[in-house]
PDB file of all heavy atoms in Angstrom:
ATOM      1  N   THR A   1      10.469  47.956  28.597  1.00  0.00           N
ATOM      2  CA  THR A   1       9.993  47.417  27.307  1.00  0.00           C
ATOM      3  C   THR A   1       8.435  46.975  27.278  1.00  0.00           C
ATOM      4  O   THR A   1       7.846  46.887  26.225  1.00  0.00           O
ATOM      5  CB  THR A   1      10.786  46.164  26.912  1.00  0.00           C
ATOM      6  OG1 THR A   1      10.690  45.088  28.026  1.00  0.00           O
ATOM      7  CG2 THR A   1      12.241  46.518  26.683  1.00  0.00           C
ATOM      8  N   ILE A   2       7.902  46.744  28.475  1.00  0.00           N
ATOM      9  CA  ILE A   2       6.504  46.236  28.513  1.00  0.00           C
ATOM     10  C   ILE A   2       5.539  47.480  28.207  1.00  0.00           C
ATOM     11  O   ILE A   2       5.389  48.389  28.904  1.00  0.00           O
ATOM     12  CB  ILE A   2       6.174  45.704  30.014  1.00  0.00           C
ATOM     13  CG1 ILE A   2       7.194  44.489  30.249  1.00  0.00           C
ATOM     14  CG2 ILE A   2       4.724  45.381  30.046  1.00  0.00           C
ATOM     15  CD1 ILE A   2       7.089  43.960  31.655  1.00  0.00           C
ATOM     16  N   LYS A   3       4.912  47.236  27.070  1.00  0.00           N
ATOM     17  CA  LYS A   3       4.083  48.280  26.515  1.00  0.00           C
ATOM     18  C   LYS A   3       2.538  47.998  26.702  1.00  0.00           C
ATOM     19  O   LYS A   3       1.751  48.900  26.802  1.00  0.00           O
ATOM     20  CB  LYS A   3       4.271  48.480  25.103  1.00  0.00           C
ATOM     21  CG  LYS A   3       5.742  48.971  24.766  1.00  0.00           C
ATOM     22  CD  LYS A   3       5.928  49.101  23.185  1.00  0.00           C
ATOM     23  CE  LYS A   3       7.328  49.596  22.924  1.00  0.00           C
ATOM     24  NZ  LYS A   3       7.607  49.665  21.476  1.00  0.00           N
ATOM     25  N   HIS A   4       2.210  46.680  26.714  1.00  0.00           N
ATOM     26  CA  HIS A   4       0.831  46.271  26.737  1.00  0.00           C
ATOM     27  C   HIS A   4       0.627  45.393  28.023  1.00  0.00           C
ATOM     28  O   HIS A   4       1.215  44.375  28.128  1.00  0.00           O
ATOM     29  CB  HIS A   4       0.432  45.508  25.494  1.00  0.00           C
ATOM     30  CG  HIS A   4       0.877  46.211  24.229  1.00  0.00           C
ATOM     31  ND1 HIS A   4       0.240  47.318  23.671  1.00  0.00           N
ATOM     32  CD2 HIS A   4       1.925  45.877  23.356  1.00  0.00           C
ATOM     33  CE1 HIS A   4       0.858  47.739  22.622  1.00  0.00           C
ATOM     34  NE2 HIS A   4       1.865  46.834  22.370  1.00  0.00           N
ATOM     35  N   LEU A   5      -0.368  45.832  28.907  1.00  0.00           N
ATOM     36  CA  LEU A   5      -0.723  45.049  29.975  1.00  0.00           C
ATOM     37  C   LEU A   5      -2.217  44.813  30.063  1.00  0.00           C
ATOM     38  O   LEU A   5      -3.045  45.659  30.102  1.00  0.00           O
ATOM     39  CB  LEU A   5      -0.313  45.835  31.291  1.00  0.00           C
ATOM     40  CG  LEU A   5      -0.542  45.093  32.639  1.00  0.00           C
ATOM     41  CD1 LEU A   5       0.360  43.824  32.675  1.00  0.00           C
ATOM     42  CD2 LEU A   5      -0.173  46.079  33.826  1.00  0.00           C
ATOM     43  N   ASN A   6      -2.526  43.523  29.813  1.00  0.00           N
ATOM     44  CA  ASN A   6      -3.940  43.137  29.739  1.00  0.00           C
ATOM     45  C   ASN A   6      -4.353  42.316  30.962  1.00  0.00           C
ATOM     46  O   ASN A   6      -3.933  41.159  31.187  1.00  0.00           O
ATOM     47  CB  ASN A   6      -4.204  42.247  28.532  1.00  0.00           C
ATOM     48  CG  ASN A   6      -5.726  41.872  28.314  1.00  0.00           C
ATOM     49  OD1 ASN A   6      -6.421  42.260  29.209  1.00  0.00           O
ATOM     50  ND2 ASN A   6      -6.005  41.319  27.209  1.00  0.00           N
ATOM     51  N   LEU A   7      -5.107  43.008  31.876  1.00  0.00           N
ATOM     52  CA  LEU A   7      -5.498  42.367  33.087  1.00  0.00           C
ATOM     53  C   LEU A   7      -7.048  42.371  33.207  1.00  0.00           C
ATOM     54  O   LEU A   7      -7.606  42.530  34.284  1.00  0.00           O
ATOM     55  CB  LEU A   7      -4.876  43.156  34.435  1.00  0.00           C
ATOM     56  CG  LEU A   7      -3.380  43.178  34.347  1.00  0.00           C
ATOM     57  CD1 LEU A   7      -2.969  43.935  35.585  1.00  0.00           C
ATOM     58  CD2 LEU A   7      -2.727  41.914  34.359  1.00  0.00           C
ATOM     59  N   GLN A   8      -7.714  42.217  32.099  1.00  0.00           N
ATOM     60  CA  GLN A   8      -9.201  42.222  32.119  1.00  0.00           C
ATOM     61  C   GLN A   8      -9.662  40.986  32.760  1.00  0.00           C
ATOM     62  O   GLN A   8      -9.218  39.884  32.616  1.00  0.00           O
ATOM     63  CB  GLN A   8      -9.678  42.259  30.699  1.00  0.00           C
ATOM     64  CG  GLN A   8      -9.539  43.578  29.908  1.00  0.00           C
ATOM     65  CD  GLN A   8     -10.511  43.810  28.836  1.00  0.00           C
ATOM     66  OE1 GLN A   8     -10.841  44.979  28.491  1.00  0.00           O
ATOM     67  NE2 GLN A   8     -10.936  42.769  28.215  1.00  0.00           N
ATOM     68  N   ASP A   9     -10.729  41.163  33.566  1.00  0.00           N
ATOM     69  CA  ASP A   9     -11.459  40.110  34.254  1.00  0.00           C
ATOM     70  C   ASP A   9     -10.525  39.155  35.066  1.00  0.00           C
ATOM     71  O   ASP A   9     -10.575  38.069  34.895  1.00  0.00           O
ATOM     72  CB  ASP A   9     -12.246  39.259  33.262  1.00  0.00           C
ATOM     73  CG  ASP A   9     -13.282  38.354  33.871  1.00  0.00           C
ATOM     74  OD1 ASP A   9     -13.582  38.527  34.947  1.00  0.00           O
ATOM     75  OD2 ASP A   9     -13.791  37.381  33.071  1.00  0.00           O
ATOM     76  N   CYS A  10      -9.775  39.891  35.920  1.00  0.00           N
ATOM     77  CA  CYS A  10      -8.818  39.104  36.778  1.00  0.00           C
ATOM     78  C   CYS A  10      -9.160  39.208  38.216  1.00  0.00           C
ATOM     79  O   CYS A  10      -8.395  38.894  39.065  1.00  0.00           O
ATOM     80  CB  CYS A  10      -7.416  39.702  36.639  1.00  0.00           C
ATOM     81  SG  CYS A  10      -6.650  39.369  34.991  1.00  0.00           S
ATOM     82  N   HIS A  11     -10.418  39.646  38.443  1.00  0.00           N
ATOM     83  CA  HIS A  11     -10.954  39.718  39.826  1.00  0.00           C
ATOM     84  C   HIS A  11     -10.076  40.682  40.738  1.00  0.00           C
ATOM     85  O   HIS A  11      -9.916  40.356  41.953  1.00  0.00           O
ATOM     86  CB  HIS A  11     -11.036  38.335  40.490  1.00  0.00           C
ATOM     87  CG  HIS A  11     -11.920  37.319  39.708  1.00  0.00           C
ATOM     88  ND1 HIS A  11     -13.254  37.336  39.855  1.00  0.00           N
ATOM     89  CD2 HIS A  11     -11.616  36.510  38.851  1.00  0.00           C
ATOM     90  CE1 HIS A  11     -13.735  36.446  39.066  1.00  0.00           C
ATOM     91  NE2 HIS A  11     -12.805  35.883  38.416  1.00  0.00           N
ATOM     92  N   ILE A  12      -9.510  41.657  40.160  1.00  0.00           N
ATOM     93  CA  ILE A  12      -8.671  42.634  40.861  1.00  0.00           C
ATOM     94  C   ILE A  12      -9.654  43.625  41.585  1.00  0.00           C
ATOM     95  O   ILE A  12     -10.616  44.183  41.000  1.00  0.00           O
ATOM     96  CB  ILE A  12      -7.801  43.388  39.922  1.00  0.00           C
ATOM     97  CG1 ILE A  12      -6.795  42.408  39.192  1.00  0.00           C
ATOM     98  CG2 ILE A  12      -7.048  44.562  40.607  1.00  0.00           C
ATOM     99  CD1 ILE A  12      -5.969  43.118  38.136  1.00  0.00           C
ATOM    100  N   GLN A  13      -9.408  43.824  42.813  1.00  0.00           N
ATOM    101  CA  GLN A  13     -10.146  44.829  43.576  1.00  0.00           C
ATOM    102  C   GLN A  13      -9.305  45.919  44.050  1.00  0.00           C
ATOM    103  O   GLN A  13      -8.114  46.048  43.537  1.00  0.00           O
ATOM    104  CB  GLN A  13     -10.810  44.120  44.748  1.00  0.00           C
ATOM    105  CG  GLN A  13     -11.828  42.946  44.350  1.00  0.00           C
ATOM    106  CD  GLN A  13     -12.539  42.384  45.430  1.00  0.00           C
ATOM    107  OE1 GLN A  13     -12.236  42.550  46.625  1.00  0.00           O
ATOM    108  NE2 GLN A  13     -13.473  41.447  45.231  1.00  0.00           N
ATOM    109  N   SER A  14      -9.754  46.686  44.980  1.00  0.00           N
ATOM    110  CA  SER A  14      -9.135  47.962  45.295  1.00  0.00           C
ATOM    111  C   SER A  14      -7.617  47.660  45.832  1.00  0.00           C
ATOM    112  O   SER A  14      -6.680  48.370  45.498  1.00  0.00           O
ATOM    113  CB  SER A  14      -9.803  48.661  46.434  1.00  0.00           C
ATOM    114  OG  SER A  14      -9.211  49.991  46.709  1.00  0.00           O
ATOM    115  N   GLU A  15      -7.447  46.625  46.630  1.00  0.00           N
ATOM    116  CA  GLU A  15      -6.107  46.335  47.185  1.00  0.00           C
ATOM    117  C   GLU A  15      -5.235  45.885  46.026  1.00  0.00           C
ATOM    118  O   GLU A  15      -3.932  46.350  46.074  1.00  0.00           O
ATOM    119  CB  GLU A  15      -6.168  45.149  48.282  1.00  0.00           C
ATOM    120  CG  GLU A  15      -4.733  44.890  48.859  1.00  0.00           C
ATOM    121  CD  GLU A  15      -4.811  43.802  49.843  1.00  0.00           C
ATOM    122  OE1 GLU A  15      -5.917  43.214  50.163  1.00  0.00           O
ATOM    123  OE2 GLU A  15      -3.775  43.403  50.360  1.00  0.00           O
ATOM    124  N   GLY A  16      -5.640  45.116  45.041  1.00  0.00           N
ATOM    125  CA  GLY A  16      -4.819  44.732  43.969  1.00  0.00           C
ATOM    126  C   GLY A  16      -4.385  45.867  43.117  1.00  0.00           C
ATOM    127  O   GLY A  16      -3.282  46.078  42.689  1.00  0.00           O
ATOM    128  N   ILE A  17      -5.342  46.766  42.873  1.00  0.00           N
ATOM    129  CA  ILE A  17      -4.944  47.940  41.994  1.00  0.00           C
ATOM    130  C   ILE A  17      -3.981  48.888  42.744  1.00  0.00           C
ATOM    131  O   ILE A  17      -3.178  49.542  42.199  1.00  0.00           O
ATOM    132  CB  ILE A  17      -6.194  48.698  41.516  1.00  0.00           C
ATOM    133  CG1 ILE A  17      -5.834  49.611  40.229  1.00  0.00           C
ATOM    134  CG2 ILE A  17      -6.879  49.562  42.581  1.00  0.00           C
ATOM    135  CD1 ILE A  17      -5.564  48.790  39.047  1.00  0.00           C
ATOM    136  N   GLN A  18      -4.055  48.928  44.090  1.00  0.00           N
ATOM    137  CA  GLN A  18      -3.174  49.681  44.878  1.00  0.00           C
ATOM    138  C   GLN A  18      -1.725  49.197  44.825  1.00  0.00           C
ATOM    139  O   GLN A  18      -0.827  49.904  44.697  1.00  0.00           O
ATOM    140  CB  GLN A  18      -3.611  49.665  46.373  1.00  0.00           C
ATOM    141  CG  GLN A  18      -2.772  50.649  47.236  1.00  0.00           C
ATOM    142  CD  GLN A  18      -3.469  50.808  48.560  1.00  0.00           C
ATOM    143  OE1 GLN A  18      -4.437  50.190  48.919  1.00  0.00           O
ATOM    144  NE2 GLN A  18      -2.790  51.618  49.392  1.00  0.00           N
ATOM    145  N   ARG A  19      -1.567  47.818  44.748  1.00  0.00           N
ATOM    146  CA  ARG A  19      -0.313  47.172  44.616  1.00  0.00           C
ATOM    147  C   ARG A  19       0.222  47.413  43.150  1.00  0.00           C
ATOM    148  O   ARG A  19       1.478  47.627  43.056  1.00  0.00           O
ATOM    149  CB  ARG A  19      -0.400  45.709  44.794  1.00  0.00           C
ATOM    150  CG  ARG A  19      -0.857  45.237  46.155  1.00  0.00           C
ATOM    151  CD  ARG A  19       0.168  45.545  47.260  1.00  0.00           C
ATOM    152  NE  ARG A  19      -0.217  44.933  48.489  1.00  0.00           N
ATOM    153  CZ  ARG A  19       0.069  43.677  48.949  1.00  0.00           C
ATOM    154  NH1 ARG A  19       0.811  42.904  48.266  1.00  0.00           N
ATOM    155  NH2 ARG A  19      -0.362  43.298  50.159  1.00  0.00           N
ATOM    156  N   LEU A  20      -0.603  47.487  42.144  1.00  0.00           N
ATOM    157  CA  LEU A  20      -0.202  47.661  40.758  1.00  0.00           C
ATOM    158  C   LEU A  20       0.180  49.164  40.520  1.00  0.00           C
ATOM    159  O   LEU A  20       1.010  49.424  39.679  1.00  0.00           O
ATOM    160  CB  LEU A  20      -1.318  47.273  39.928  1.00  0.00           C
ATOM    161  CG  LEU A  20      -1.495  45.828  39.512  1.00  0.00           C
ATOM    162  CD1 LEU A  20      -2.863  45.603  38.864  1.00  0.00           C
ATOM    163  CD2 LEU A  20      -0.364  45.366  38.577  1.00  0.00           C
ATOM    164  N   GLY A  21      -0.445  50.062  41.325  1.00  0.00           N
ATOM    165  CA  GLY A  21      -0.334  51.477  41.061  1.00  0.00           C
ATOM    166  C   GLY A  21       1.044  52.019  40.680  1.00  0.00           C
ATOM    167  O   GLY A  21       1.089  52.678  39.589  1.00  0.00           O
ATOM    168  N   PRO A  22       2.140  51.733  41.379  1.00  0.00           N
ATOM    169  CA  PRO A  22       3.419  52.389  41.055  1.00  0.00           C
ATOM    170  C   PRO A  22       3.870  52.146  39.689  1.00  0.00           C
ATOM    171  O   PRO A  22       4.729  52.855  39.203  1.00  0.00           O
ATOM    172  CB  PRO A  22       4.342  51.717  42.186  1.00  0.00           C
ATOM    173  CG  PRO A  22       3.417  51.455  43.259  1.00  0.00           C
ATOM    174  CD  PRO A  22       2.153  50.925  42.620  1.00  0.00           C
ATOM    175  N   GLY A  23       3.498  51.009  39.012  1.00  0.00           N
ATOM    176  CA  GLY A  23       4.088  50.728  37.712  1.00  0.00           C
ATOM    177  C   GLY A  23       3.138  51.039  36.512  1.00  0.00           C
ATOM    178  O   GLY A  23       3.549  50.915  35.359  1.00  0.00           O
ATOM    179  N   LEU A  24       1.908  51.357  36.855  1.00  0.00           N
ATOM    180  CA  LEU A  24       0.871  51.482  35.736  1.00  0.00           C
ATOM    181  C   LEU A  24       1.213  52.555  34.684  1.00  0.00           C
ATOM    182  O   LEU A  24       0.951  52.424  33.479  1.00  0.00           O
ATOM    183  CB  LEU A  24      -0.462  51.770  36.304  1.00  0.00           C
ATOM    184  CG  LEU A  24      -1.193  50.599  37.135  1.00  0.00           C
ATOM    185  CD1 LEU A  24      -2.489  51.086  37.772  1.00  0.00           C
ATOM    186  CD2 LEU A  24      -1.215  49.315  36.408  1.00  0.00           C
ATOM    187  N   HIS A  25       1.778  53.661  35.153  1.00  0.00           N
ATOM    188  CA  HIS A  25       2.047  54.800  34.256  1.00  0.00           C
ATOM    189  C   HIS A  25       3.096  54.421  33.132  1.00  0.00           C
ATOM    190  O   HIS A  25       3.131  55.127  32.116  1.00  0.00           O
ATOM    191  CB  HIS A  25       2.509  56.080  35.044  1.00  0.00           C
ATOM    192  CG  HIS A  25       3.934  55.877  35.610  1.00  0.00           C
ATOM    193  ND1 HIS A  25       4.185  55.147  36.732  1.00  0.00           N
ATOM    194  CD2 HIS A  25       5.116  56.279  35.097  1.00  0.00           C
ATOM    195  CE1 HIS A  25       5.487  55.216  36.935  1.00  0.00           C
ATOM    196  NE2 HIS A  25       6.064  55.889  35.993  1.00  0.00           N
ATOM    197  N   LYS A  26       3.759  53.387  33.309  1.00  0.00           N
ATOM    198  CA  LYS A  26       4.885  53.025  32.315  1.00  0.00           C
ATOM    199  C   LYS A  26       4.318  52.276  31.103  1.00  0.00           C
ATOM    200  O   LYS A  26       5.088  52.117  30.115  1.00  0.00           O
ATOM    201  CB  LYS A  26       5.944  52.156  33.019  1.00  0.00           C
ATOM    202  CG  LYS A  26       6.650  52.949  34.137  1.00  0.00           C
ATOM    203  CD  LYS A  26       7.786  52.086  34.753  1.00  0.00           C
ATOM    204  CE  LYS A  26       9.028  52.062  33.731  1.00  0.00           C
ATOM    205  NZ  LYS A  26      10.104  51.355  34.329  1.00  0.00           N
ATOM    206  N   CYS A  27       3.093  51.749  31.186  1.00  0.00           N
ATOM    207  CA  CYS A  27       2.573  50.967  30.057  1.00  0.00           C
ATOM    208  C   CYS A  27       1.923  51.897  29.010  1.00  0.00           C
ATOM    209  O   CYS A  27       1.256  52.964  29.413  1.00  0.00           O
ATOM    210  CB  CYS A  27       1.501  49.978  30.598  1.00  0.00           C
ATOM    211  SG  CYS A  27       2.137  48.839  31.814  1.00  0.00           S
ATOM    212  N   GLN A  28       1.877  51.484  27.741  1.00  0.00           N
ATOM    213  CA  GLN A  28       1.200  52.330  26.786  1.00  0.00           C
ATOM    214  C   GLN A  28      -0.165  51.955  26.598  1.00  0.00           C
ATOM    215  O   GLN A  28      -1.071  52.751  26.311  1.00  0.00           O
ATOM    216  CB  GLN A  28       1.964  52.118  25.432  1.00  0.00           C
ATOM    217  CG  GLN A  28       3.405  52.773  25.391  1.00  0.00           C
ATOM    218  CD  GLN A  28       4.058  52.634  24.024  1.00  0.00           C
ATOM    219  OE1 GLN A  28       3.537  52.221  23.048  1.00  0.00           O
ATOM    220  NE2 GLN A  28       5.372  52.868  24.054  1.00  0.00           N
ATOM    221  N   GLU A  29      -0.459  50.643  26.825  1.00  0.00           N
ATOM    222  CA  GLU A  29      -1.860  50.127  26.721  1.00  0.00           C
ATOM    223  C   GLU A  29      -2.114  49.389  27.991  1.00  0.00           C
ATOM    224  O   GLU A  29      -1.450  48.455  28.387  1.00  0.00           O
ATOM    225  CB  GLU A  29      -1.957  49.205  25.448  1.00  0.00           C
ATOM    226  CG  GLU A  29      -3.376  48.683  25.314  1.00  0.00           C
ATOM    227  CD  GLU A  29      -3.589  47.873  24.040  1.00  0.00           C
ATOM    228  OE1 GLU A  29      -2.631  47.657  23.336  1.00  0.00           O
ATOM    229  OE2 GLU A  29      -4.719  47.373  23.760  1.00  0.00           O
ATOM    230  N   LEU A  30      -3.264  49.829  28.649  1.00  0.00           N
ATOM    231  CA  LEU A  30      -3.696  49.238  29.919  1.00  0.00           C
ATOM    232  C   LEU A  30      -5.112  48.833  29.893  1.00  0.00           C
ATOM    233  O   LEU A  30      -5.984  49.696  29.718  1.00  0.00           O
ATOM    234  CB  LEU A  30      -3.394  50.334  30.970  1.00  0.00           C
ATOM    235  CG  LEU A  30      -3.541  50.007  32.477  1.00  0.00           C
ATOM    236  CD1 LEU A  30      -2.749  48.827  32.895  1.00  0.00           C
ATOM    237  CD2 LEU A  30      -3.363  51.216  33.250  1.00  0.00           C
ATOM    238  N   ARG A  31      -5.387  47.525  29.969  1.00  0.00           N
ATOM    239  CA  ARG A  31      -6.705  46.976  29.991  1.00  0.00           C
ATOM    240  C   ARG A  31      -6.999  46.437  31.338  1.00  0.00           C
ATOM    241  O   ARG A  31      -6.548  45.402  31.783  1.00  0.00           O
ATOM    242  CB  ARG A  31      -6.776  45.814  28.984  1.00  0.00           C
ATOM    243  CG  ARG A  31      -6.373  46.243  27.537  1.00  0.00           C
ATOM    244  CD  ARG A  31      -7.413  47.179  27.014  1.00  0.00           C
ATOM    245  NE  ARG A  31      -7.058  47.599  25.579  1.00  0.00           N
ATOM    246  CZ  ARG A  31      -7.665  48.533  24.847  1.00  0.00           C
ATOM    247  NH1 ARG A  31      -8.627  49.293  25.507  1.00  0.00           N
ATOM    248  NH2 ARG A  31      -7.266  48.881  23.668  1.00  0.00           N
ATOM    249  N   LEU A  32      -7.964  47.117  32.053  1.00  0.00           N
ATOM    250  CA  LEU A  32      -8.362  46.780  33.412  1.00  0.00           C
ATOM    251  C   LEU A  32      -9.872  46.377  33.667  1.00  0.00           C
ATOM    252  O   LEU A  32     -10.408  46.341  34.646  1.00  0.00           O
ATOM    253  CB  LEU A  32      -7.931  47.902  34.378  1.00  0.00           C
ATOM    254  CG  LEU A  32      -6.448  48.150  34.546  1.00  0.00           C
ATOM    255  CD1 LEU A  32      -6.334  49.516  35.315  1.00  0.00           C
ATOM    256  CD2 LEU A  32      -5.786  47.071  35.179  1.00  0.00           C
ATOM    257  N   GLY A  33     -10.528  46.212  32.349  1.00  0.00           N
ATOM    258  CA  GLY A  33     -11.952  46.022  32.380  1.00  0.00           C
ATOM    259  C   GLY A  33     -12.399  44.796  33.109  1.00  0.00           C
ATOM    260  O   GLY A  33     -11.657  43.875  33.343  1.00  0.00           O
ATOM    261  N   TRP A  34     -13.692  44.899  33.584  1.00  0.00           N
ATOM    262  CA  TRP A  34     -14.404  43.729  34.313  1.00  0.00           C
ATOM    263  C   TRP A  34     -13.686  43.361  35.518  1.00  0.00           C
ATOM    264  O   TRP A  34     -13.606  42.181  35.934  1.00  0.00           O
ATOM    265  CB  TRP A  34     -14.564  42.584  33.244  1.00  0.00           C
ATOM    266  CG  TRP A  34     -15.295  42.886  32.020  1.00  0.00           C
ATOM    267  CD1 TRP A  34     -14.780  42.757  30.785  1.00  0.00           C
ATOM    268  CD2 TRP A  34     -16.615  43.423  32.008  1.00  0.00           C
ATOM    269  NE1 TRP A  34     -15.727  43.255  29.850  1.00  0.00           N
ATOM    270  CE2 TRP A  34     -16.840  43.582  30.566  1.00  0.00           C
ATOM    271  CE3 TRP A  34     -17.591  43.722  32.823  1.00  0.00           C
ATOM    272  CZ2 TRP A  34     -18.087  44.052  30.123  1.00  0.00           C
ATOM    273  CZ3 TRP A  34     -18.827  44.289  32.345  1.00  0.00           C
ATOM    274  CH2 TRP A  34     -19.075  44.408  31.024  1.00  0.00           C
TER     275      TRP A  34
END
């Protein structure tokens, strides 16, 4: 059911996005800016 994921300006770096990776394709709107 989760369509919108807003993680802007969350100090996410390479390791964080690697942990997030497996679920990202399921979101319709993905905000990863800053």
